[in-house]
PDB file of N, CA and C in Angstrom:
ATOM      1  N   MET A   1     133.796 113.664 127.395  1.00  0.00           N
ATOM      2  CA  MET A   1     133.041 112.559 127.623  1.00  0.00           C
ATOM      3  C   MET A   1     134.097 111.295 127.498  1.00  0.00           C
ATOM      4  N   GLU A   2     134.568 110.471 128.222  1.00  0.00           N
ATOM      5  CA  GLU A   2     135.455 109.261 127.853  1.00  0.00           C
ATOM      6  C   GLU A   2     134.537 108.293 128.183  1.00  0.00           C
ATOM      7  N   ALA A   3     134.757 107.199 127.160  1.00  0.00           N
ATOM      8  CA  ALA A   3     134.204 105.759 127.316  1.00  0.00           C
ATOM      9  C   ALA A   3     135.043 104.822 127.290  1.00  0.00           C
ATOM     10  N   SER A   4     135.117 103.802 127.746  1.00  0.00           N
ATOM     11  CA  SER A   4     136.010 102.406 127.822  1.00  0.00           C
ATOM     12  C   SER A   4     134.934 101.235 127.839  1.00  0.00           C
ATOM     13  N   ALA A   5     135.472 100.045 126.983  1.00  0.00           N
ATOM     14  CA  ALA A   5     134.646  98.954 127.269  1.00  0.00           C
ATOM     15  C   ALA A   5     135.577  97.716 127.310  1.00  0.00           C
ATOM     16  N   ALA A   6     135.137  96.719 128.136  1.00  0.00           N
ATOM     17  CA  ALA A   6     135.792  95.609 128.358  1.00  0.00           C
ATOM     18  C   ALA A   6     135.743  94.643 127.241  1.00  0.00           C
ATOM     19  N   ASP A   7     136.958  93.716 127.057  1.00  0.00           N
ATOM     20  CA  ASP A   7     136.416  92.657 126.083  1.00  0.00           C
ATOM     21  C   ASP A   7     135.447  91.732 126.516  1.00  0.00           C
ATOM     22  N   VAL A   8     134.652  91.181 125.338  1.00  0.00           N
ATOM     23  CA  VAL A   8     133.823  90.138 125.469  1.00  0.00           C
ATOM     24  C   VAL A   8     134.353  89.091 126.260  1.00  0.00           C
ATOM     25  N   THR A   9     133.985  88.610 127.490  1.00  0.00           N
ATOM     26  CA  THR A   9     134.553  87.532 128.074  1.00  0.00           C
ATOM     27  C   THR A   9     133.589  86.367 128.370  1.00  0.00           C
ATOM     28  N   PRO A  10     133.889  85.319 127.629  1.00  0.00           N
ATOM     29  CA  PRO A  10     133.244  83.920 127.998  1.00  0.00           C
ATOM     30  C   PRO A  10     133.283  83.638 129.425  1.00  0.00           C
ATOM     31  N   GLN A  11     131.873  83.570 129.825  1.00  0.00           N
ATOM     32  CA  GLN A  11     132.042  83.167 131.610  1.00  0.00           C
ATOM     33  C   GLN A  11     131.982  81.507 131.749  1.00  0.00           C
ATOM     34  N   ALA A  12     131.997  81.134 133.205  1.00  0.00           N
ATOM     35  CA  ALA A  12     131.529  79.892 133.119  1.00  0.00           C
ATOM     36  C   ALA A  12     130.644  79.511 132.467  1.00  0.00           C
ATOM     37  N   PRO A  13     130.225  78.094 132.072  1.00  0.00           N
ATOM     38  CA  PRO A  13     129.266  77.454 131.203  1.00  0.00           C
ATOM     39  C   PRO A  13     127.911  77.640 132.023  1.00  0.00           C
ATOM     40  N   ASN A  14     126.975  78.541 131.542  1.00  0.00           N
ATOM     41  CA  ASN A  14     125.459  78.919 131.975  1.00  0.00           C
ATOM     42  C   ASN A  14     124.741  79.516 130.856  1.00  0.00           C
ATOM     43  N   GLN A  15     123.508  79.738 131.374  1.00  0.00           N
ATOM     44  CA  GLN A  15     122.690  80.332 130.093  1.00  0.00           C
ATOM     45  C   GLN A  15     123.226  81.824 129.561  1.00  0.00           C
ATOM     46  N   TRP A  16     123.801  82.553 130.538  1.00  0.00           N
ATOM     47  CA  TRP A  16     124.625  83.839 129.908  1.00  0.00           C
ATOM     48  C   TRP A  16     126.126  83.770 129.877  1.00  0.00           C
ATOM     49  N   ASP A  17     126.415  83.085 128.771  1.00  0.00           N
ATOM     50  CA  ASP A  17     127.984  82.729 128.657  1.00  0.00           C
ATOM     51  C   ASP A  17     128.676  84.074 128.369  1.00  0.00           C
ATOM     52  N   PHE A  18     128.308  85.139 128.007  1.00  0.00           N
ATOM     53  CA  PHE A  18     128.977  85.904 127.168  1.00  0.00           C
ATOM     54  C   PHE A  18     128.616  87.577 128.004  1.00  0.00           C
ATOM     55  N   SER A  19     129.523  88.151 127.963  1.00  0.00           N
ATOM     56  CA  SER A  19     129.408  89.369 128.813  1.00  0.00           C
ATOM     57  C   SER A  19     130.251  90.707 128.501  1.00  0.00           C
ATOM     58  N   CYS A  20     129.835  91.962 128.830  1.00  0.00           N
ATOM     59  CA  CYS A  20     130.749  93.162 128.302  1.00  0.00           C
ATOM     60  C   CYS A  20     130.220  94.355 129.217  1.00  0.00           C
ATOM     61  N   ASN A  21     131.302  94.934 129.677  1.00  0.00           N
ATOM     62  CA  ASN A  21     131.508  96.349 130.569  1.00  0.00           C
ATOM     63  C   ASN A  21     131.413  97.412 129.687  1.00  0.00           C
ATOM     64  N   LEU A  22     130.483  98.314 130.105  1.00  0.00           N
ATOM     65  CA  LEU A  22     130.910  99.753 129.225  1.00  0.00           C
ATOM     66  C   LEU A  22     130.872 100.761 130.177  1.00  0.00           C
ATOM     67  N   GLU A  23     131.632 101.778 130.291  1.00  0.00           N
ATOM     68  CA  GLU A  23     131.939 102.713 131.639  1.00  0.00           C
ATOM     69  C   GLU A  23     132.074 104.398 130.262  1.00  0.00           C
ATOM     70  N   VAL A  24     131.161 105.044 130.756  1.00  0.00           N
ATOM     71  CA  VAL A  24     131.219 106.492 130.320  1.00  0.00           C
ATOM     72  C   VAL A  24     131.581 107.631 131.432  1.00  0.00           C
ATOM     73  N   ASP A  25     132.498 108.099 131.428  1.00  0.00           N
ATOM     74  CA  ASP A  25     132.508 109.232 132.270  1.00  0.00           C
ATOM     75  C   ASP A  25     132.057 110.489 131.546  1.00  0.00           C
ATOM     76  N   TYR A  26     131.286 111.008 132.446  1.00  0.00           N
ATOM     77  CA  TYR A  26     130.485 112.417 132.343  1.00  0.00           C
ATOM     78  C   TYR A  26     131.032 113.500 132.925  1.00  0.00           C
ATOM     79  N   GLU A  27     131.638 113.151 134.106  1.00  0.00           N
ATOM     80  CA  GLU A  27     132.307 114.040 134.803  1.00  0.00           C
ATOM     81  C   GLU A  27     131.454 114.885 135.585  1.00  0.00           C
ATOM     82  N   SER A  28     130.133 114.230 135.731  1.00  0.00           N
ATOM     83  CA  SER A  28     129.053 114.906 136.448  1.00  0.00           C
ATOM     84  C   SER A  28     127.824 113.721 136.608  1.00  0.00           C
ATOM     85  N   ASP A  29     127.305 113.792 137.800  1.00  0.00           N
ATOM     86  CA  ASP A  29     126.284 112.909 138.317  1.00  0.00           C
ATOM     87  C   ASP A  29     125.226 113.559 137.642  1.00  0.00           C
ATOM     88  N   GLU A  30     124.822 114.481 137.283  1.00  0.00           N
ATOM     89  CA  GLU A  30     123.612 115.140 136.860  1.00  0.00           C
ATOM     90  C   GLU A  30     123.454 114.760 135.567  1.00  0.00           C
ATOM     91  N   ILE A  31     124.549 115.077 134.702  1.00  0.00           N
ATOM     92  CA  ILE A  31     124.482 114.580 133.066  1.00  0.00           C
ATOM     93  C   ILE A  31     124.438 113.143 133.163  1.00  0.00           C
ATOM     94  N   ALA A  32     125.017 112.235 133.616  1.00  0.00           N
ATOM     95  CA  ALA A  32     125.344 110.849 133.939  1.00  0.00           C
ATOM     96  C   ALA A  32     123.703 110.447 134.209  1.00  0.00           C
ATOM     97  N   SER A  33     123.022 110.838 135.067  1.00  0.00           N
ATOM     98  CA  SER A  33     121.713 110.834 135.452  1.00  0.00           C
ATOM     99  C   SER A  33     120.537 110.942 134.131  1.00  0.00           C
ATOM    100  N   ILE A  34     121.168 112.039 133.476  1.00  0.00           N
ATOM    101  CA  ILE A  34     119.990 112.382 132.517  1.00  0.00           C
ATOM    102  C   ILE A  34     120.162 111.420 131.478  1.00  0.00           C
ATOM    103  N   VAL A  35     121.310 110.996 131.445  1.00  0.00           N
ATOM    104  CA  VAL A  35     121.711 110.044 129.982  1.00  0.00           C
ATOM    105  C   VAL A  35     120.964 108.595 130.478  1.00  0.00           C
ATOM    106  N   TYR A  36     121.237 108.447 131.705  1.00  0.00           N
ATOM    107  CA  TYR A  36     120.620 106.946 132.585  1.00  0.00           C
ATOM    108  C   TYR A  36     119.251 107.154 132.121  1.00  0.00           C
ATOM    109  N   ALA A  37     118.409 108.267 132.647  1.00  0.00           N
ATOM    110  CA  ALA A  37     117.018 108.383 132.474  1.00  0.00           C
ATOM    111  C   ALA A  37     116.771 108.078 131.134  1.00  0.00           C
ATOM    112  N   ALA A  38     117.217 108.640 130.170  1.00  0.00           N
ATOM    113  CA  ALA A  38     116.876 108.441 128.726  1.00  0.00           C
ATOM    114  C   ALA A  38     116.778 107.237 128.147  1.00  0.00           C
ATOM    115  N   LEU A  39     118.030 106.507 128.704  1.00  0.00           N
ATOM    116  CA  LEU A  39     118.384 104.866 128.112  1.00  0.00           C
ATOM    117  C   LEU A  39     117.623 103.899 128.830  1.00  0.00           C
ATOM    118  N   ALA A  40     117.219 104.109 130.136  1.00  0.00           N
ATOM    119  CA  ALA A  40     116.356 103.326 130.874  1.00  0.00           C
ATOM    120  C   ALA A  40     115.062 102.746 130.472  1.00  0.00           C
ATOM    121  N   VAL A  41     114.477 103.437 129.659  1.00  0.00           N
ATOM    122  CA  VAL A  41     113.052 103.167 129.311  1.00  0.00           C
ATOM    123  C   VAL A  41     113.461 102.184 127.991  1.00  0.00           C
ATOM    124  N   ASP A  42     114.288 102.317 127.312  1.00  0.00           N
ATOM    125  CA  ASP A  42     114.247 101.354 126.062  1.00  0.00           C
ATOM    126  C   ASP A  42     114.906  99.932 126.799  1.00  0.00           C
ATOM    127  N   LYS A  43     114.126  99.216 126.826  1.00  0.00           N
ATOM    128  CA  LYS A  43     114.292  97.663 127.251  1.00  0.00           C
ATOM    129  C   LYS A  43     114.879  96.944 126.275  1.00  0.00           C
ATOM    130  N   GLU A  44     115.325  95.465 126.736  1.00  0.00           N
ATOM    131  CA  GLU A  44     115.840  94.993 125.643  1.00  0.00           C
ATOM    132  C   GLU A  44     114.746  94.155 124.973  1.00  0.00           C
ATOM    133  N   LEU A  45     115.062  94.032 123.570  1.00  0.00           N
ATOM    134  CA  LEU A  45     113.788  93.145 122.928  1.00  0.00           C
ATOM    135  C   LEU A  45     113.680  91.899 123.260  1.00  0.00           C
ATOM    136  N   GLN A  46     114.748  91.008 123.509  1.00  0.00           N
ATOM    137  CA  GLN A  46     114.943  89.887 123.617  1.00  0.00           C
ATOM    138  C   GLN A  46     115.424  89.689 125.288  1.00  0.00           C
ATOM    139  N   PRO A  47     114.780  89.719 126.192  1.00  0.00           N
ATOM    140  CA  PRO A  47     115.220  89.646 127.584  1.00  0.00           C
ATOM    141  C   PRO A  47     115.484  88.283 128.097  1.00  0.00           C
ATOM    142  N   ASP A  48     115.033  87.166 127.261  1.00  0.00           N
ATOM    143  CA  ASP A  48     115.578  85.859 127.491  1.00  0.00           C
ATOM    144  C   ASP A  48     117.089  85.529 126.865  1.00  0.00           C
ATOM    145  N   LYS A  49     117.429  86.350 126.375  1.00  0.00           N
ATOM    146  CA  LYS A  49     118.773  86.420 125.483  1.00  0.00           C
ATOM    147  C   LYS A  49     119.827  87.334 125.908  1.00  0.00           C
ATOM    148  N   VAL A  50     119.243  88.479 126.225  1.00  0.00           N
ATOM    149  CA  VAL A  50     120.465  89.526 126.744  1.00  0.00           C
ATOM    150  C   VAL A  50     119.843  90.326 127.862  1.00  0.00           C
ATOM    151  N   LYS A  51     120.672  90.671 128.677  1.00  0.00           N
ATOM    152  CA  LYS A  51     120.304  91.333 129.978  1.00  0.00           C
ATOM    153  C   LYS A  51     121.331  92.543 130.093  1.00  0.00           C
ATOM    154  N   ARG A  52     120.535  93.858 130.368  1.00  0.00           N
ATOM    155  CA  ARG A  52     121.642  94.744 130.495  1.00  0.00           C
ATOM    156  C   ARG A  52     121.246  95.534 132.001  1.00  0.00           C
ATOM    157  N   GLN A  53     122.337  95.842 132.703  1.00  0.00           N
ATOM    158  CA  GLN A  53     122.143  96.697 134.085  1.00  0.00           C
ATOM    159  C   GLN A  53     123.094  97.815 133.830  1.00  0.00           C
ATOM    160  N   MET A  54     122.421  98.680 134.373  1.00  0.00           N
ATOM    161  CA  MET A  54     122.863 100.249 134.252  1.00  0.00           C
ATOM    162  C   MET A  54     122.864 100.673 135.624  1.00  0.00           C
ATOM    163  N   LYS A  55     124.076 101.860 135.979  1.00  0.00           N
ATOM    164  CA  LYS A  55     123.955 102.244 137.131  1.00  0.00           C
ATOM    165  C   LYS A  55     124.674 103.706 136.804  1.00  0.00           C
ATOM    166  N   VAL A  56     124.532 104.853 137.955  1.00  0.00           N
ATOM    167  CA  VAL A  56     125.141 105.669 137.625  1.00  0.00           C
ATOM    168  C   VAL A  56     126.099 105.960 139.229  1.00  0.00           C
ATOM    169  N   ALA A  57     127.416 106.350 139.054  1.00  0.00           N
ATOM    170  CA  ALA A  57     128.334 106.467 140.227  1.00  0.00           C
ATOM    171  C   ALA A  57     129.229 107.605 139.774  1.00  0.00           C
ATOM    172  N   ASN A  58     129.428 108.526 140.796  1.00  0.00           N
ATOM    173  CA  ASN A  58     130.771 109.050 140.325  1.00  0.00           C
ATOM    174  C   ASN A  58     130.879 109.732 139.408  1.00  0.00           C
ATOM    175  N   GLY A  59     129.633 110.195 138.907  1.00  0.00           N
ATOM    176  CA  GLY A  59     129.912 111.109 137.359  1.00  0.00           C
ATOM    177  C   GLY A  59     129.959 110.309 136.045  1.00  0.00           C
ATOM    178  N   LYS A  60     129.893 108.816 136.359  1.00  0.00           N
ATOM    179  CA  LYS A  60     129.804 107.753 135.518  1.00  0.00           C
ATOM    180  C   LYS A  60     128.737 107.171 135.198  1.00  0.00           C
ATOM    181  N   LEU A  61     128.612 106.545 134.042  1.00  0.00           N
ATOM    182  CA  LEU A  61     127.492 105.459 133.800  1.00  0.00           C
ATOM    183  C   LEU A  61     127.958 104.433 133.206  1.00  0.00           C
ATOM    184  N   TYR A  62     127.794 103.477 134.145  1.00  0.00           N
ATOM    185  CA  TYR A  62     128.118 101.745 134.067  1.00  0.00           C
ATOM    186  C   TYR A  62     127.039 101.110 133.547  1.00  0.00           C
ATOM    187  N   VAL A  63     127.470 100.136 132.366  1.00  0.00           N
ATOM    188  CA  VAL A  63     126.709  99.389 131.747  1.00  0.00           C
ATOM    189  C   VAL A  63     127.356  97.972 131.637  1.00  0.00           C
ATOM    190  N   HIS A  64     126.332  96.982 132.047  1.00  0.00           N
ATOM    191  CA  HIS A  64     126.951  95.525 132.220  1.00  0.00           C
ATOM    192  C   HIS A  64     125.902  94.792 131.255  1.00  0.00           C
ATOM    193  N   PHE A  65     126.630  94.138 130.110  1.00  0.00           N
ATOM    194  CA  PHE A  65     125.482  93.332 129.238  1.00  0.00           C
ATOM    195  C   PHE A  65     126.080  91.869 129.331  1.00  0.00           C
ATOM    196  N   GLU A  66     124.797  91.051 129.685  1.00  0.00           N
ATOM    197  CA  GLU A  66     125.123  89.440 129.279  1.00  0.00           C
ATOM    198  C   GLU A  66     124.044  88.821 128.436  1.00  0.00           C
ATOM    199  N   ALA A  67     124.828  88.106 127.601  1.00  0.00           N
ATOM    200  CA  ALA A  67     123.955  87.441 126.307  1.00  0.00           C
ATOM    201  C   ALA A  67     124.214  85.737 126.368  1.00  0.00           C
ATOM    202  N   THR A  68     123.416  85.033 125.498  1.00  0.00           N
ATOM    203  CA  THR A  68     123.690  83.736 125.663  1.00  0.00           C
ATOM    204  C   THR A  68     124.351  83.397 124.519  1.00  0.00           C
ATOM    205  N   GLU A  69     124.520  84.348 123.364  1.00  0.00           N
ATOM    206  CA  GLU A  69     125.226  84.110 122.278  1.00  0.00           C
ATOM    207  C   GLU A  69     125.980  85.189 122.200  1.00  0.00           C
ATOM    208  N   ALA A  70     127.072  85.138 121.483  1.00  0.00           N
ATOM    209  CA  ALA A  70     128.260  86.337 121.167  1.00  0.00           C
ATOM    210  C   ALA A  70     127.056  87.330 120.178  1.00  0.00           C
ATOM    211  N   ARG A  71     126.504  86.815 119.043  1.00  0.00           N
ATOM    212  CA  ARG A  71     125.837  87.595 118.116  1.00  0.00           C
ATOM    213  C   ARG A  71     124.676  88.475 118.769  1.00  0.00           C
ATOM    214  N   PHE A  72     123.923  87.923 119.979  1.00  0.00           N
ATOM    215  CA  PHE A  72     123.294  88.765 120.828  1.00  0.00           C
ATOM    216  C   PHE A  72     123.878  89.679 121.522  1.00  0.00           C
ATOM    217  N   LEU A  73     124.888  89.627 122.199  1.00  0.00           N
ATOM    218  CA  LEU A  73     125.706  90.514 122.779  1.00  0.00           C
ATOM    219  C   LEU A  73     126.264  91.809 121.942  1.00  0.00           C
ATOM    220  N   ARG A  74     126.573  91.496 120.644  1.00  0.00           N
ATOM    221  CA  ARG A  74     127.399  92.294 119.861  1.00  0.00           C
ATOM    222  C   ARG A  74     125.852  93.064 119.313  1.00  0.00           C
ATOM    223  N   ALA A  75     124.803  92.497 118.986  1.00  0.00           N
ATOM    224  CA  ALA A  75     123.675  93.299 118.442  1.00  0.00           C
ATOM    225  C   ALA A  75     123.212  94.410 119.631  1.00  0.00           C
ATOM    226  N   SER A  76     123.049  94.053 120.716  1.00  0.00           N
ATOM    227  CA  SER A  76     122.634  94.668 121.860  1.00  0.00           C
ATOM    228  C   SER A  76     123.662  95.976 122.149  1.00  0.00           C
ATOM    229  N   TYR A  77     124.858  95.482 122.239  1.00  0.00           N
ATOM    230  CA  TYR A  77     125.870  96.330 122.537  1.00  0.00           C
ATOM    231  C   TYR A  77     125.733  97.737 121.380  1.00  0.00           C
ATOM    232  N   SER A  78     125.926  97.209 120.248  1.00  0.00           N
ATOM    233  CA  SER A  78     125.913  98.002 119.068  1.00  0.00           C
ATOM    234  C   SER A  78     124.775  99.195 119.257  1.00  0.00           C
ATOM    235  N   SER A  79     123.348  98.486 119.281  1.00  0.00           N
ATOM    236  CA  SER A  79     122.102  99.373 119.363  1.00  0.00           C
ATOM    237  C   SER A  79     122.398 100.258 120.752  1.00  0.00           C
ATOM    238  N   PHE A  80     122.766  99.713 121.797  1.00  0.00           N
ATOM    239  CA  PHE A  80     122.908 100.783 122.949  1.00  0.00           C
ATOM    240  C   PHE A  80     123.940 101.736 122.628  1.00  0.00           C
ATOM    241  N   VAL A  81     125.079 101.775 122.076  1.00  0.00           N
ATOM    242  CA  VAL A  81     126.180 102.668 121.962  1.00  0.00           C
ATOM    243  C   VAL A  81     125.444 103.895 121.129  1.00  0.00           C
ATOM    244  N   ASP A  82     124.506 103.266 119.890  1.00  0.00           N
ATOM    245  CA  ASP A  82     124.075 104.321 119.098  1.00  0.00           C
ATOM    246  C   ASP A  82     123.124 105.362 119.759  1.00  0.00           C
ATOM    247  N   ILE A  83     122.118 104.714 120.632  1.00  0.00           N
ATOM    248  CA  ILE A  83     121.266 105.392 121.485  1.00  0.00           C
ATOM    249  C   ILE A  83     121.934 106.330 122.343  1.00  0.00           C
ATOM    250  N   LEU A  84     123.106 105.702 123.103  1.00  0.00           N
ATOM    251  CA  LEU A  84     123.910 106.406 124.225  1.00  0.00           C
ATOM    252  C   LEU A  84     124.543 107.668 123.291  1.00  0.00           C
ATOM    253  N   THR A  85     125.012 107.682 122.203  1.00  0.00           N
ATOM    254  CA  THR A  85     125.666 108.577 121.474  1.00  0.00           C
ATOM    255  C   THR A  85     124.634 109.573 121.311  1.00  0.00           C
ATOM    256  N   LEU A  86     123.450 109.260 120.752  1.00  0.00           N
ATOM    257  CA  LEU A  86     122.400 110.265 120.341  1.00  0.00           C
ATOM    258  C   LEU A  86     121.897 110.691 121.863  1.00  0.00           C
ATOM    259  N   ALA A  87     121.778 110.202 122.780  1.00  0.00           N
ATOM    260  CA  ALA A  87     121.510 110.791 124.085  1.00  0.00           C
ATOM    261  C   ALA A  87     122.607 111.828 124.395  1.00  0.00           C
ATOM    262  N   THR A  88     123.777 111.438 124.493  1.00  0.00           N
ATOM    263  CA  THR A  88     125.030 112.253 125.064  1.00  0.00           C
ATOM    264  C   THR A  88     125.129 113.575 124.053  1.00  0.00           C
ATOM    265  N   LYS A  89     125.020 113.473 122.653  1.00  0.00           N
ATOM    266  CA  LYS A  89     125.105 114.487 121.769  1.00  0.00           C
ATOM    267  C   LYS A  89     123.999 115.738 121.998  1.00  0.00           C
ATOM    268  N   THR A  90     122.672 114.992 122.481  1.00  0.00           N
ATOM    269  CA  THR A  90     121.436 115.861 122.796  1.00  0.00           C
ATOM    270  C   THR A  90     121.548 116.595 124.121  1.00  0.00           C
ATOM    271  N   VAL A  91     122.139 116.104 125.242  1.00  0.00           N
ATOM    272  CA  VAL A  91     122.616 116.789 126.383  1.00  0.00           C
ATOM    273  C   VAL A  91     123.481 117.670 126.181  1.00  0.00           C
ATOM    274  N   GLU A  92     124.455 117.482 125.425  1.00  0.00           N
ATOM    275  CA  GLU A  92     125.505 118.164 125.207  1.00  0.00           C
ATOM    276  C   GLU A  92     125.296 119.793 124.396  1.00  0.00           C
ATOM    277  N   GLU A  93     124.484 119.306 123.275  1.00  0.00           N
ATOM    278  CA  GLU A  93     123.772 120.375 122.464  1.00  0.00           C
ATOM    279  C   GLU A  93     122.891 121.276 123.312  1.00  0.00           C
ATOM    280  N   TYR A  94     121.763 120.521 124.182  1.00  0.00           N
ATOM    281  CA  TYR A  94     120.743 121.343 124.679  1.00  0.00           C
ATOM    282  C   TYR A  94     120.573 121.368 126.233  1.00  0.00           C
ATOM    283  N   GLY A  95     121.592 120.365 126.874  1.00  0.00           N
ATOM    284  CA  GLY A  95     121.378 120.402 128.099  1.00  0.00           C
ATOM    285  C   GLY A  95     122.070 121.450 129.130  1.00  0.00           C
ATOM    286  N   GLN A  96     122.764 122.351 128.584  1.00  0.00           N
ATOM    287  CA  GLN A  96     123.509 123.633 129.251  1.00  0.00           C
ATOM    288  C   GLN A  96     122.385 124.189 130.108  1.00  0.00           C
ATOM    289  N   GLY A  97     122.776 124.085 131.652  1.00  0.00           N
ATOM    290  CA  GLY A  97     121.853 124.577 132.524  1.00  0.00           C
ATOM    291  C   GLY A  97     120.481 124.056 133.012  1.00  0.00           C
ATOM    292  N   ILE A  98     120.388 122.730 132.729  1.00  0.00           N
ATOM    293  CA  ILE A  98     119.331 121.994 133.067  1.00  0.00           C
ATOM    294  C   ILE A  98     119.072 121.710 134.588  1.00  0.00           C
ATOM    295  N   MET A  99     117.951 122.024 135.083  1.00  0.00           N
ATOM    296  CA  MET A  99     118.171 121.599 136.326  1.00  0.00           C
ATOM    297  C   MET A  99     116.965 120.667 136.452  1.00  0.00           C
ATOM    298  N   LEU A 100     117.589 119.681 137.087  1.00  0.00           N
ATOM    299  CA  LEU A 100     116.738 118.192 137.410  1.00  0.00           C
ATOM    300  C   LEU A 100     115.791 118.560 138.606  1.00  0.00           C
TER     301      LEU A 100
END
């Protein structure tokens, strides 16, 4: 598994001034889809302050965050990475031979 994150980038002045991208390479659409499904049910607690969009393509999980303030972006990103790590470790440990 390889992960990369873009720098926090202030955007043009609007409600969603801060954004960040995360890309995790699972090298398998099946594993990326399992992790996506596990994470998709966890909605943002403050959707008026943070937006999260996810997609799976070419064995990678792509996540885009937008927030009204840097502190909301940091908190959302940090929480998401904790849950992502748990989901990834679970699939690595127990997901061998899973049929979707």
